[in-house]
Amino acid sequence: MTNQAINGFKSQVLIVLNNIQEGQCIAYGELAKQAGFPNHARQVGTLLKNLPKDTKLPWHRVVNAKHHISFIEGSEAYERQKQKLEEEGWVILGNKLTVNENNKGD
């Protein structure tokens, strides 16, 4: 990708990310697709991995296609994402998101 394309990719991904509502989750690939860059799931992961730790963007709402947290279970990043998701009503068993209390009955 050219620098212009990279900047466009980053901008679009961050716009879509910013619009993910509390209680919702999205897969890396779906986020890439919605941003207009299908087949760029890995690049989405890299972009999110490099966000500042104090970002206000809801990076924690992005999970893999199996609805799992992608970080190694027990790692600092895993624990941060798990805590943020649990605060939004998700139940995490191992690394899998199982129930979102905010969307029960939907």
PDB file of N, CA and C in Angstrom:
ATOM      1  N   MET A   1       0.837  -1.182   0.000  1.00  0.00           N
ATOM      2  CA  MET A   1       0.000   0.000   0.000  1.00  0.00           C
ATOM      3  C   MET A   1       0.885   1.249   0.000  1.00  0.00           C
ATOM      4  N   THR A   2       0.440   2.267  -0.701  1.00  0.00           N
ATOM      5  CA  THR A   2       1.136   3.549  -0.678  1.00  0.00           C
ATOM      6  C   THR A   2       0.841   4.250   0.642  1.00  0.00           C
ATOM      7  N   ASN A   3       1.596   5.278   0.958  1.00  0.00           N
ATOM      8  CA  ASN A   3       1.346   6.035   2.188  1.00  0.00           C
ATOM      9  C   ASN A   3      -0.070   6.595   2.215  1.00  0.00           C
ATOM     10  N   GLN A   4      -0.539   7.063   1.070  1.00  0.00           N
ATOM     11  CA  GLN A   4      -1.902   7.599   0.998  1.00  0.00           C
ATOM     12  C   GLN A   4      -2.924   6.494   1.269  1.00  0.00           C
ATOM     13  N   ALA A   5      -2.693   5.325   0.701  1.00  0.00           N
ATOM     14  CA  ALA A   5      -3.599   4.194   0.920  1.00  0.00           C
ATOM     15  C   ALA A   5      -3.566   3.752   2.380  1.00  0.00           C
ATOM     16  N   ILE A   6      -2.372   3.734   2.970  1.00  0.00           N
ATOM     17  CA  ILE A   6      -2.246   3.358   4.383  1.00  0.00           C
ATOM     18  C   ILE A   6      -2.997   4.339   5.264  1.00  0.00           C
ATOM     19  N   ASN A   7      -2.851   5.628   4.983  1.00  0.00           N
ATOM     20  CA  ASN A   7      -3.566   6.639   5.773  1.00  0.00           C
ATOM     21  C   ASN A   7      -5.071   6.512   5.598  1.00  0.00           C
ATOM     22  N   GLY A   8      -5.523   6.218   4.373  1.00  0.00           N
ATOM     23  CA  GLY A   8      -6.947   6.011   4.123  1.00  0.00           C
ATOM     24  C   GLY A   8      -7.459   4.793   4.857  1.00  0.00           C
ATOM     25  N   PHE A   9      -6.674   3.724   4.829  1.00  0.00           N
ATOM     26  CA  PHE A   9      -7.031   2.502   5.543  1.00  0.00           C
ATOM     27  C   PHE A   9      -7.180   2.786   7.034  1.00  0.00           C
ATOM     28  N   LYS A  10      -6.170   3.422   7.623  1.00  0.00           N
ATOM     29  CA  LYS A  10      -6.209   3.725   9.054  1.00  0.00           C
ATOM     30  C   LYS A  10      -7.417   4.582   9.399  1.00  0.00           C
ATOM     31  N   SER A  11      -7.650   5.614   8.613  1.00  0.00           N
ATOM     32  CA  SER A  11      -8.778   6.519   8.881  1.00  0.00           C
ATOM     33  C   SER A  11     -10.102   5.780   8.847  1.00  0.00           C
ATOM     34  N   GLN A  12     -10.306   4.987   7.799  1.00  0.00           N
ATOM     35  CA  GLN A  12     -11.573   4.271   7.654  1.00  0.00           C
ATOM     36  C   GLN A  12     -11.778   3.246   8.764  1.00  0.00           C
ATOM     37  N   VAL A  13     -10.733   2.506   9.104  1.00  0.00           N
ATOM     38  CA  VAL A  13     -10.842   1.512  10.171  1.00  0.00           C
ATOM     39  C   VAL A  13     -11.184   2.193  11.488  1.00  0.00           C
ATOM     40  N   LEU A  14     -10.530   3.297  11.788  1.00  0.00           N
ATOM     41  CA  LEU A  14     -10.776   3.982  13.058  1.00  0.00           C
ATOM     42  C   LEU A  14     -12.165   4.598  13.110  1.00  0.00           C
ATOM     43  N   ILE A  15     -12.672   5.044  11.972  1.00  0.00           N
ATOM     44  CA  ILE A  15     -14.045   5.574  11.931  1.00  0.00           C
ATOM     45  C   ILE A  15     -15.039   4.459  12.239  1.00  0.00           C
ATOM     46  N   VAL A  16     -14.883   3.313  11.575  1.00  0.00           N
ATOM     47  CA  VAL A  16     -15.791   2.183  11.829  1.00  0.00           C
ATOM     48  C   VAL A  16     -15.655   1.720  13.274  1.00  0.00           C
ATOM     49  N   LEU A  17     -14.429   1.604  13.748  1.00  0.00           N
ATOM     50  CA  LEU A  17     -14.185   1.187  15.134  1.00  0.00           C
ATOM     51  C   LEU A  17     -14.886   2.110  16.113  1.00  0.00           C
ATOM     52  N   ASN A  18     -14.768   3.394  15.896  1.00  0.00           N
ATOM     53  CA  ASN A  18     -15.365   4.377  16.800  1.00  0.00           C
ATOM     54  C   ASN A  18     -16.888   4.262  16.873  1.00  0.00           C
ATOM     55  N   ASN A  19     -17.502   3.693  15.833  1.00  0.00           N
ATOM     56  CA  ASN A  19     -18.953   3.575  15.786  1.00  0.00           C
ATOM     57  C   ASN A  19     -19.493   2.255  16.327  1.00  0.00           C
ATOM     58  N   ILE A  20     -18.623   1.389  16.811  1.00  0.00           N
ATOM     59  CA  ILE A  20     -19.089   0.131  17.415  1.00  0.00           C
ATOM     60  C   ILE A  20     -19.652   0.465  18.790  1.00  0.00           C
ATOM     61  N   GLN A  21     -20.907   0.173  18.976  1.00  0.00           N
ATOM     62  CA  GLN A  21     -21.616   0.541  20.195  1.00  0.00           C
ATOM     63  C   GLN A  21     -21.302  -0.402  21.355  1.00  0.00           C
ATOM     64  N   GLU A  22     -21.455   0.103  22.547  1.00  0.00           N
ATOM     65  CA  GLU A  22     -21.287  -0.716  23.744  1.00  0.00           C
ATOM     66  C   GLU A  22     -22.204  -1.926  23.652  1.00  0.00           C
ATOM     67  N   GLY A  23     -21.669  -3.096  24.010  1.00  0.00           N
ATOM     68  CA  GLY A  23     -22.446  -4.334  23.959  1.00  0.00           C
ATOM     69  C   GLY A  23     -22.334  -5.068  22.639  1.00  0.00           C
ATOM     70  N   GLN A  24     -21.684  -4.453  21.644  1.00  0.00           N
ATOM     71  CA  GLN A  24     -21.483  -5.098  20.352  1.00  0.00           C
ATOM     72  C   GLN A  24     -20.023  -5.488  20.193  1.00  0.00           C
ATOM     73  N   CYS A  25     -19.784  -6.500  19.403  1.00  0.00           N
ATOM     74  CA  CYS A  25     -18.429  -6.901  19.031  1.00  0.00           C
ATOM     75  C   CYS A  25     -18.402  -7.148  17.535  1.00  0.00           C
ATOM     76  N   ILE A  26     -17.216  -7.048  16.971  1.00  0.00           N
ATOM     77  CA  ILE A  26     -17.029  -7.243  15.541  1.00  0.00           C
ATOM     78  C   ILE A  26     -15.731  -8.019  15.341  1.00  0.00           C
ATOM     79  N   ALA A  27     -15.683  -8.822  14.300  1.00  0.00           N
ATOM     80  CA  ALA A  27     -14.458  -9.555  13.975  1.00  0.00           C
ATOM     81  C   ALA A  27     -13.513  -8.643  13.198  1.00  0.00           C
ATOM     82  N   TYR A  28     -12.228  -8.939  13.293  1.00  0.00           N
ATOM     83  CA  TYR A  28     -11.220  -8.155  12.572  1.00  0.00           C
ATOM     84  C   TYR A  28     -11.548  -8.067  11.086  1.00  0.00           C
ATOM     85  N   GLY A  29     -11.910  -9.196  10.487  1.00  0.00           N
ATOM     86  CA  GLY A  29     -12.222  -9.226   9.061  1.00  0.00           C
ATOM     87  C   GLY A  29     -13.440  -8.413   8.709  1.00  0.00           C
ATOM     88  N   GLU A  30     -14.455  -8.455   9.555  1.00  0.00           N
ATOM     89  CA  GLU A  30     -15.662  -7.670   9.313  1.00  0.00           C
ATOM     90  C   GLU A  30     -15.369  -6.181   9.445  1.00  0.00           C
ATOM     91  N   LEU A  31     -14.541  -5.821  10.401  1.00  0.00           N
ATOM     92  CA  LEU A  31     -14.149  -4.418  10.554  1.00  0.00           C
ATOM     93  C   LEU A  31     -13.416  -3.947   9.296  1.00  0.00           C
ATOM     94  N   ALA A  32     -12.496  -4.765   8.802  1.00  0.00           N
ATOM     95  CA  ALA A  32     -11.774  -4.419   7.570  1.00  0.00           C
ATOM     96  C   ALA A  32     -12.747  -4.262   6.404  1.00  0.00           C
ATOM     97  N   LYS A  33     -13.685  -5.188   6.295  1.00  0.00           N
ATOM     98  CA  LYS A  33     -14.668  -5.152   5.206  1.00  0.00           C
ATOM     99  C   LYS A  33     -15.524  -3.893   5.286  1.00  0.00           C
ATOM    100  N   GLN A  34     -16.031  -3.578   6.482  1.00  0.00           N
ATOM    101  CA  GLN A  34     -16.861  -2.390   6.637  1.00  0.00           C
ATOM    102  C   GLN A  34     -16.088  -1.104   6.366  1.00  0.00           C
ATOM    103  N   ALA A  35     -14.778  -1.154   6.579  1.00  0.00           N
ATOM    104  CA  ALA A  35     -13.938   0.015   6.321  1.00  0.00           C
ATOM    105  C   ALA A  35     -13.584   0.133   4.835  1.00  0.00           C
ATOM    106  N   GLY A  36     -13.966  -0.870   4.044  1.00  0.00           N
ATOM    107  CA  GLY A  36     -13.699  -0.831   2.621  1.00  0.00           C
ATOM    108  C   GLY A  36     -12.426  -1.544   2.215  1.00  0.00           C
ATOM    109  N   PHE A  37     -11.885  -2.349   3.101  1.00  0.00           N
ATOM    110  CA  PHE A  37     -10.642  -3.068   2.835  1.00  0.00           C
ATOM    111  C   PHE A  37     -10.797  -4.549   3.170  1.00  0.00           C
ATOM    112  N   PRO A  38     -11.646  -5.269   2.402  1.00  0.00           N
ATOM    113  CA  PRO A  38     -11.801  -6.697   2.678  1.00  0.00           C
ATOM    114  C   PRO A  38     -10.447  -7.402   2.542  1.00  0.00           C
ATOM    115  N   ASN A  39     -10.299  -8.469   3.244  1.00  0.00           N
ATOM    116  CA  ASN A  39      -9.056  -9.266   3.236  1.00  0.00           C
ATOM    117  C   ASN A  39      -7.882  -8.559   3.924  1.00  0.00           C
ATOM    118  N   HIS A  40      -8.167  -7.610   4.781  1.00  0.00           N
ATOM    119  CA  HIS A  40      -7.108  -6.909   5.515  1.00  0.00           C
ATOM    120  C   HIS A  40      -7.270  -7.073   7.028  1.00  0.00           C
ATOM    121  N   ALA A  41      -7.782  -8.219   7.452  1.00  0.00           N
ATOM    122  CA  ALA A  41      -8.006  -8.465   8.879  1.00  0.00           C
ATOM    123  C   ALA A  41      -6.716  -8.363   9.683  1.00  0.00           C
ATOM    124  N   ARG A  42      -5.638  -8.911   9.163  1.00  0.00           N
ATOM    125  CA  ARG A  42      -4.355  -8.865   9.892  1.00  0.00           C
ATOM    126  C   ARG A  42      -3.867  -7.430  10.067  1.00  0.00           C
ATOM    127  N   GLN A  43      -4.069  -6.618   9.053  1.00  0.00           N
ATOM    128  CA  GLN A  43      -3.656  -5.225   9.151  1.00  0.00           C
ATOM    129  C   GLN A  43      -4.493  -4.479  10.189  1.00  0.00           C
ATOM    130  N   VAL A  44      -5.769  -4.843  10.293  1.00  0.00           N
ATOM    131  CA  VAL A  44      -6.612  -4.263  11.351  1.00  0.00           C
ATOM    132  C   VAL A  44      -6.033  -4.639  12.705  1.00  0.00           C
ATOM    133  N   GLY A  45      -5.686  -5.898  12.878  1.00  0.00           N
ATOM    134  CA  GLY A  45      -5.092  -6.348  14.142  1.00  0.00           C
ATOM    135  C   GLY A  45      -3.826  -5.583  14.477  1.00  0.00           C
ATOM    136  N   THR A  46      -2.981  -5.382  13.491  1.00  0.00           N
ATOM    137  CA  THR A  46      -1.736  -4.646  13.711  1.00  0.00           C
ATOM    138  C   THR A  46      -2.023  -3.199  14.095  1.00  0.00           C
ATOM    139  N   LEU A  47      -2.975  -2.581  13.405  1.00  0.00           N
ATOM    140  CA  LEU A  47      -3.344  -1.199  13.719  1.00  0.00           C
ATOM    141  C   LEU A  47      -3.848  -1.092  15.159  1.00  0.00           C
ATOM    142  N   LEU A  48      -4.727  -2.000  15.560  1.00  0.00           N
ATOM    143  CA  LEU A  48      -5.279  -1.955  16.909  1.00  0.00           C
ATOM    144  C   LEU A  48      -4.205  -2.237  17.956  1.00  0.00           C
ATOM    145  N   LYS A  49      -3.308  -3.153  17.647  1.00  0.00           N
ATOM    146  CA  LYS A  49      -2.222  -3.495  18.573  1.00  0.00           C
ATOM    147  C   LYS A  49      -1.347  -2.278  18.866  1.00  0.00           C
ATOM    148  N   ASN A  50      -1.241  -1.379  17.900  1.00  0.00           N
ATOM    149  CA  ASN A  50      -0.368  -0.220  18.035  1.00  0.00           C
ATOM    150  C   ASN A  50      -1.073   1.041  18.521  1.00  0.00           C
ATOM    151  N   LEU A  51      -2.349   0.932  18.892  1.00  0.00           N
ATOM    152  CA  LEU A  51      -3.043   2.091  19.463  1.00  0.00           C
ATOM    153  C   LEU A  51      -2.437   2.418  20.826  1.00  0.00           C
ATOM    154  N   PRO A  52      -2.447   3.681  21.208  1.00  0.00           N
ATOM    155  CA  PRO A  52      -1.948   4.029  22.550  1.00  0.00           C
ATOM    156  C   PRO A  52      -2.794   3.351  23.627  1.00  0.00           C
ATOM    157  N   LYS A  53      -2.168   2.967  24.732  1.00  0.00           N
ATOM    158  CA  LYS A  53      -2.898   2.279  25.805  1.00  0.00           C
ATOM    159  C   LYS A  53      -4.041   3.119  26.368  1.00  0.00           C
ATOM    160  N   ASP A  54      -3.921   4.440  26.290  1.00  0.00           N
ATOM    161  CA  ASP A  54      -4.965   5.305  26.851  1.00  0.00           C
ATOM    162  C   ASP A  54      -6.010   5.732  25.815  1.00  0.00           C
ATOM    163  N   THR A  55      -6.059   5.055  24.670  1.00  0.00           N
ATOM    164  CA  THR A  55      -7.015   5.417  23.632  1.00  0.00           C
ATOM    165  C   THR A  55      -8.446   5.300  24.152  1.00  0.00           C
ATOM    166  N   LYS A  56      -9.294   6.157  23.653  1.00  0.00           N
ATOM    167  CA  LYS A  56     -10.721   6.100  23.994  1.00  0.00           C
ATOM    168  C   LYS A  56     -11.501   5.268  22.971  1.00  0.00           C
ATOM    169  N   LEU A  57     -10.824   4.843  21.906  1.00  0.00           N
ATOM    170  CA  LEU A  57     -11.481   4.013  20.899  1.00  0.00           C
ATOM    171  C   LEU A  57     -11.803   2.640  21.478  1.00  0.00           C
ATOM    172  N   PRO A  58     -12.932   2.052  21.098  1.00  0.00           N
ATOM    173  CA  PRO A  58     -13.351   0.761  21.669  1.00  0.00           C
ATOM    174  C   PRO A  58     -12.673  -0.444  21.018  1.00  0.00           C
ATOM    175  N   TRP A  59     -11.361  -0.471  21.063  1.00  0.00           N
ATOM    176  CA  TRP A  59     -10.567  -1.563  20.486  1.00  0.00           C
ATOM    177  C   TRP A  59     -10.957  -2.921  21.058  1.00  0.00           C
ATOM    178  N   HIS A  60     -11.408  -2.908  22.305  1.00  0.00           N
ATOM    179  CA  HIS A  60     -11.725  -4.154  22.999  1.00  0.00           C
ATOM    180  C   HIS A  60     -12.936  -4.863  22.415  1.00  0.00           C
ATOM    181  N   ARG A  61     -13.699  -4.198  21.584  1.00  0.00           N
ATOM    182  CA  ARG A  61     -14.890  -4.784  20.981  1.00  0.00           C
ATOM    183  C   ARG A  61     -14.574  -5.553  19.705  1.00  0.00           C
ATOM    184  N   VAL A  62     -13.300  -5.668  19.376  1.00  0.00           N
ATOM    185  CA  VAL A  62     -12.883  -6.394  18.181  1.00  0.00           C
ATOM    186  C   VAL A  62     -12.293  -7.739  18.611  1.00  0.00           C
ATOM    187  N   VAL A  63     -12.874  -8.804  18.074  1.00  0.00           N
ATOM    188  CA  VAL A  63     -12.461 -10.166  18.421  1.00  0.00           C
ATOM    189  C   VAL A  63     -12.239 -10.950  17.131  1.00  0.00           C
ATOM    190  N   ASN A  64     -11.764 -12.175  17.250  1.00  0.00           N
ATOM    191  CA  ASN A  64     -11.541 -12.944  16.023  1.00  0.00           C
ATOM    192  C   ASN A  64     -12.851 -13.540  15.506  1.00  0.00           C
ATOM    193  N   ALA A  65     -12.775 -14.178  14.359  1.00  0.00           N
ATOM    194  CA  ALA A  65     -13.966 -14.698  13.690  1.00  0.00           C
ATOM    195  C   ALA A  65     -14.687 -15.777  14.489  1.00  0.00           C
ATOM    196  N   LYS A  66     -13.983 -16.413  15.415  1.00  0.00           N
ATOM    197  CA  LYS A  66     -14.603 -17.440  16.262  1.00  0.00           C
ATOM    198  C   LYS A  66     -15.242 -16.836  17.509  1.00  0.00           C
ATOM    199  N   HIS A  67     -15.257 -15.523  17.590  1.00  0.00           N
ATOM    200  CA  HIS A  67     -15.795 -14.793  18.743  1.00  0.00           C
ATOM    201  C   HIS A  67     -14.935 -15.017  19.982  1.00  0.00           C
ATOM    202  N   HIS A  68     -13.625 -15.099  19.769  1.00  0.00           N
ATOM    203  CA  HIS A  68     -12.651 -15.291  20.842  1.00  0.00           C
ATOM    204  C   HIS A  68     -11.774 -14.063  20.957  1.00  0.00           C
ATOM    205  N   ILE A  69     -11.285 -13.820  22.160  1.00  0.00           N
ATOM    206  CA  ILE A  69     -10.227 -12.836  22.369  1.00  0.00           C
ATOM    207  C   ILE A  69      -8.961 -13.432  21.758  1.00  0.00           C
ATOM    208  N   SER A  70      -8.251 -12.648  20.972  1.00  0.00           N
ATOM    209  CA  SER A  70      -7.077 -13.176  20.262  1.00  0.00           C
ATOM    210  C   SER A  70      -5.800 -13.163  21.081  1.00  0.00           C
ATOM    211  N   PHE A  71      -5.759 -12.382  22.139  1.00  0.00           N
ATOM    212  CA  PHE A  71      -4.552 -12.335  22.963  1.00  0.00           C
ATOM    213  C   PHE A  71      -4.376 -13.651  23.717  1.00  0.00           C
ATOM    214  N   ILE A  72      -3.147 -13.947  24.099  1.00  0.00           N
ATOM    215  CA  ILE A  72      -2.854 -15.147  24.874  1.00  0.00           C
ATOM    216  C   ILE A  72      -3.547 -15.039  26.227  1.00  0.00           C
ATOM    217  N   GLU A  73      -4.306 -16.066  26.561  1.00  0.00           N
ATOM    218  CA  GLU A  73      -5.044 -16.074  27.825  1.00  0.00           C
ATOM    219  C   GLU A  73      -4.083 -15.864  28.988  1.00  0.00           C
ATOM    220  N   GLY A  74      -4.424 -14.917  29.855  1.00  0.00           N
ATOM    221  CA  GLY A  74      -3.603 -14.596  31.013  1.00  0.00           C
ATOM    222  C   GLY A  74      -2.629 -13.459  30.788  1.00  0.00           C
ATOM    223  N   SER A  75      -2.430 -13.049  29.533  1.00  0.00           N
ATOM    224  CA  SER A  75      -1.526 -11.931  29.256  1.00  0.00           C
ATOM    225  C   SER A  75      -2.160 -10.616  29.712  1.00  0.00           C
ATOM    226  N   GLU A  76      -1.342  -9.598  29.841  1.00  0.00           N
ATOM    227  CA  GLU A  76      -1.848  -8.282  30.265  1.00  0.00           C
ATOM    228  C   GLU A  76      -2.912  -7.774  29.287  1.00  0.00           C
ATOM    229  N   ALA A  77      -2.642  -7.905  27.995  1.00  0.00           N
ATOM    230  CA  ALA A  77      -3.589  -7.427  26.987  1.00  0.00           C
ATOM    231  C   ALA A  77      -4.898  -8.220  27.057  1.00  0.00           C
ATOM    232  N   TYR A  78      -4.791  -9.531  27.248  1.00  0.00           N
ATOM    233  CA  TYR A  78      -5.977 -10.380  27.390  1.00  0.00           C
ATOM    234  C   TYR A  78      -6.820  -9.914  28.576  1.00  0.00           C
ATOM    235  N   GLU A  79      -6.162  -9.694  29.708  1.00  0.00           N
ATOM    236  CA  GLU A  79      -6.871  -9.293  30.924  1.00  0.00           C
ATOM    237  C   GLU A  79      -7.546  -7.934  30.755  1.00  0.00           C
ATOM    238  N   ARG A  80      -6.881  -6.991  30.064  1.00  0.00           N
ATOM    239  CA  ARG A  80      -7.487  -5.671  29.823  1.00  0.00           C
ATOM    240  C   ARG A  80      -8.723  -5.802  28.950  1.00  0.00           C
ATOM    241  N   GLN A  81      -8.623  -6.590  27.863  1.00  0.00           N
ATOM    242  CA  GLN A  81      -9.762  -6.748  26.979  1.00  0.00           C
ATOM    243  C   GLN A  81     -10.894  -7.485  27.679  1.00  0.00           C
ATOM    244  N   LYS A  82     -10.565  -8.528  28.397  1.00  0.00           N
ATOM    245  CA  LYS A  82     -11.578  -9.304  29.128  1.00  0.00           C
ATOM    246  C   LYS A  82     -12.325  -8.417  30.119  1.00  0.00           C
ATOM    247  N   GLN A  83     -11.583  -7.614  30.879  1.00  0.00           N
ATOM    248  CA  GLN A  83     -12.219  -6.734  31.866  1.00  0.00           C
ATOM    249  C   GLN A  83     -13.162  -5.741  31.196  1.00  0.00           C
ATOM    250  N   LYS A  84     -12.713  -5.128  30.114  1.00  0.00           N
ATOM    251  CA  LYS A  84     -13.548  -4.150  29.414  1.00  0.00           C
ATOM    252  C   LYS A  84     -14.816  -4.801  28.853  1.00  0.00           C
ATOM    253  N   LEU A  85     -14.683  -5.991  28.299  1.00  0.00           N
ATOM    254  CA  LEU A  85     -15.853  -6.678  27.758  1.00  0.00           C
ATOM    255  C   LEU A  85     -16.813  -7.106  28.869  1.00  0.00           C
ATOM    256  N   GLU A  86     -16.274  -7.596  29.970  1.00  0.00           N
ATOM    257  CA  GLU A  86     -17.132  -7.986  31.094  1.00  0.00           C
ATOM    258  C   GLU A  86     -17.870  -6.780  31.656  1.00  0.00           C
ATOM    259  N   GLU A  87     -17.244  -5.624  31.670  1.00  0.00           N
ATOM    260  CA  GLU A  87     -17.907  -4.407  32.130  1.00  0.00           C
ATOM    261  C   GLU A  87     -19.091  -4.045  31.244  1.00  0.00           C
ATOM    262  N   GLU A  88     -19.072  -4.523  29.997  1.00  0.00           N
ATOM    263  CA  GLU A  88     -20.162  -4.264  29.058  1.00  0.00           C
ATOM    264  C   GLU A  88     -21.179  -5.407  29.016  1.00  0.00           C
ATOM    265  N   GLY A  89     -21.022  -6.386  29.919  1.00  0.00           N
ATOM    266  CA  GLY A  89     -22.015  -7.436  30.034  1.00  0.00           C
ATOM    267  C   GLY A  89     -21.662  -8.751  29.376  1.00  0.00           C
ATOM    268  N   TRP A  90     -20.487  -8.858  28.761  1.00  0.00           N
ATOM    269  CA  TRP A  90     -20.083 -10.120  28.145  1.00  0.00           C
ATOM    270  C   TRP A  90     -19.601 -11.095  29.211  1.00  0.00           C
ATOM    271  N   VAL A  91     -19.872 -12.363  29.000  1.00  0.00           N
ATOM    272  CA  VAL A  91     -19.340 -13.429  29.841  1.00  0.00           C
ATOM    273  C   VAL A  91     -18.244 -14.098  29.026  1.00  0.00           C
ATOM    274  N   ILE A  92     -17.065 -14.191  29.611  1.00  0.00           N
ATOM    275  CA  ILE A  92     -15.918 -14.762  28.918  1.00  0.00           C
ATOM    276  C   ILE A  92     -15.578 -16.106  29.565  1.00  0.00           C
ATOM    277  N   LEU A  93     -15.606 -17.161  28.780  1.00  0.00           N
ATOM    278  CA  LEU A  93     -15.199 -18.489  29.248  1.00  0.00           C
ATOM    279  C   LEU A  93     -13.928 -18.849  28.486  1.00  0.00           C
ATOM    280  N   GLY A  94     -12.811 -18.869  29.194  1.00  0.00           N
ATOM    281  CA  GLY A  94     -11.519 -19.032  28.518  1.00  0.00           C
ATOM    282  C   GLY A  94     -11.253 -17.768  27.737  1.00  0.00           C
ATOM    283  N   ASN A  95     -11.263 -17.868  26.428  1.00  0.00           N
ATOM    284  CA  ASN A  95     -11.106 -16.671  25.614  1.00  0.00           C
ATOM    285  C   ASN A  95     -12.326 -16.425  24.731  1.00  0.00           C
ATOM    286  N   LYS A  96     -13.409 -17.187  24.946  1.00  0.00           N
ATOM    287  CA  LYS A  96     -14.609 -17.078  24.118  1.00  0.00           C
ATOM    288  C   LYS A  96     -15.675 -16.208  24.779  1.00  0.00           C
ATOM    289  N   LEU A  97     -16.210 -15.288  23.999  1.00  0.00           N
ATOM    290  CA  LEU A  97     -17.338 -14.474  24.441  1.00  0.00           C
ATOM    291  C   LEU A  97     -18.582 -15.326  24.314  1.00  0.00           C
ATOM    292  N   THR A  98     -19.350 -15.448  25.385  1.00  0.00           N
ATOM    293  CA  THR A  98     -20.482 -16.360  25.354  1.00  0.00           C
ATOM    294  C   THR A  98     -21.838 -15.675  25.443  1.00  0.00           C
ATOM    295  N   VAL A  99     -21.965 -14.671  26.280  1.00  0.00           N
ATOM    296  CA  VAL A  99     -23.270 -14.043  26.477  1.00  0.00           C
ATOM    297  C   VAL A  99     -23.041 -12.552  26.663  1.00  0.00           C
ATOM    298  N   ASN A 100     -23.870 -11.771  26.036  1.00  0.00           N
ATOM    299  CA  ASN A 100     -23.838 -10.341  26.257  1.00  0.00           C
ATOM    300  C   ASN A 100     -25.148  -9.966  26.914  1.00  0.00           C
ATOM    301  N   GLU A 101     -25.079  -9.596  28.164  1.00  0.00           N
ATOM    302  CA  GLU A 101     -26.286  -9.262  28.935  1.00  0.00           C
ATOM    303  C   GLU A 101     -27.050  -8.094  28.293  1.00  0.00           C
ATOM    304  N   ASN A 102     -26.346  -7.190  27.603  1.00  0.00           N
ATOM    305  CA  ASN A 102     -26.993  -6.037  26.981  1.00  0.00           C
ATOM    306  C   ASN A 102     -27.838  -6.440  25.791  1.00  0.00           C
ATOM    307  N   ASN A 103     -27.564  -7.594  25.183  1.00  0.00           N
ATOM    308  CA  ASN A 103     -28.293  -8.017  23.988  1.00  0.00           C
ATOM    309  C   ASN A 103     -29.158  -9.238  24.225  1.00  0.00           C
ATOM    310  N   LYS A 104     -29.382  -9.615  25.483  1.00  0.00           N
ATOM    311  CA  LYS A 104     -30.237 -10.767  25.774  1.00  0.00           C
ATOM    312  C   LYS A 104     -31.639 -10.506  25.219  1.00  0.00           C
ATOM    313  N   GLY A 105     -32.187 -11.518  24.595  1.00  0.00           N
ATOM    314  CA  GLY A 105     -33.534 -11.422  24.073  1.00  0.00           C
ATOM    315  C   GLY A 105     -33.613 -10.772  22.718  1.00  0.00           C
ATOM    316  N   ASP A 106     -32.505 -10.341  22.153  1.00  0.00           N
ATOM    317  CA  ASP A 106     -32.518  -9.730  20.823  1.00  0.00           C
ATOM    318  C   ASP A 106     -32.655 -10.788  19.752  1.00  0.00           C
TER     319      ASP A 106
END
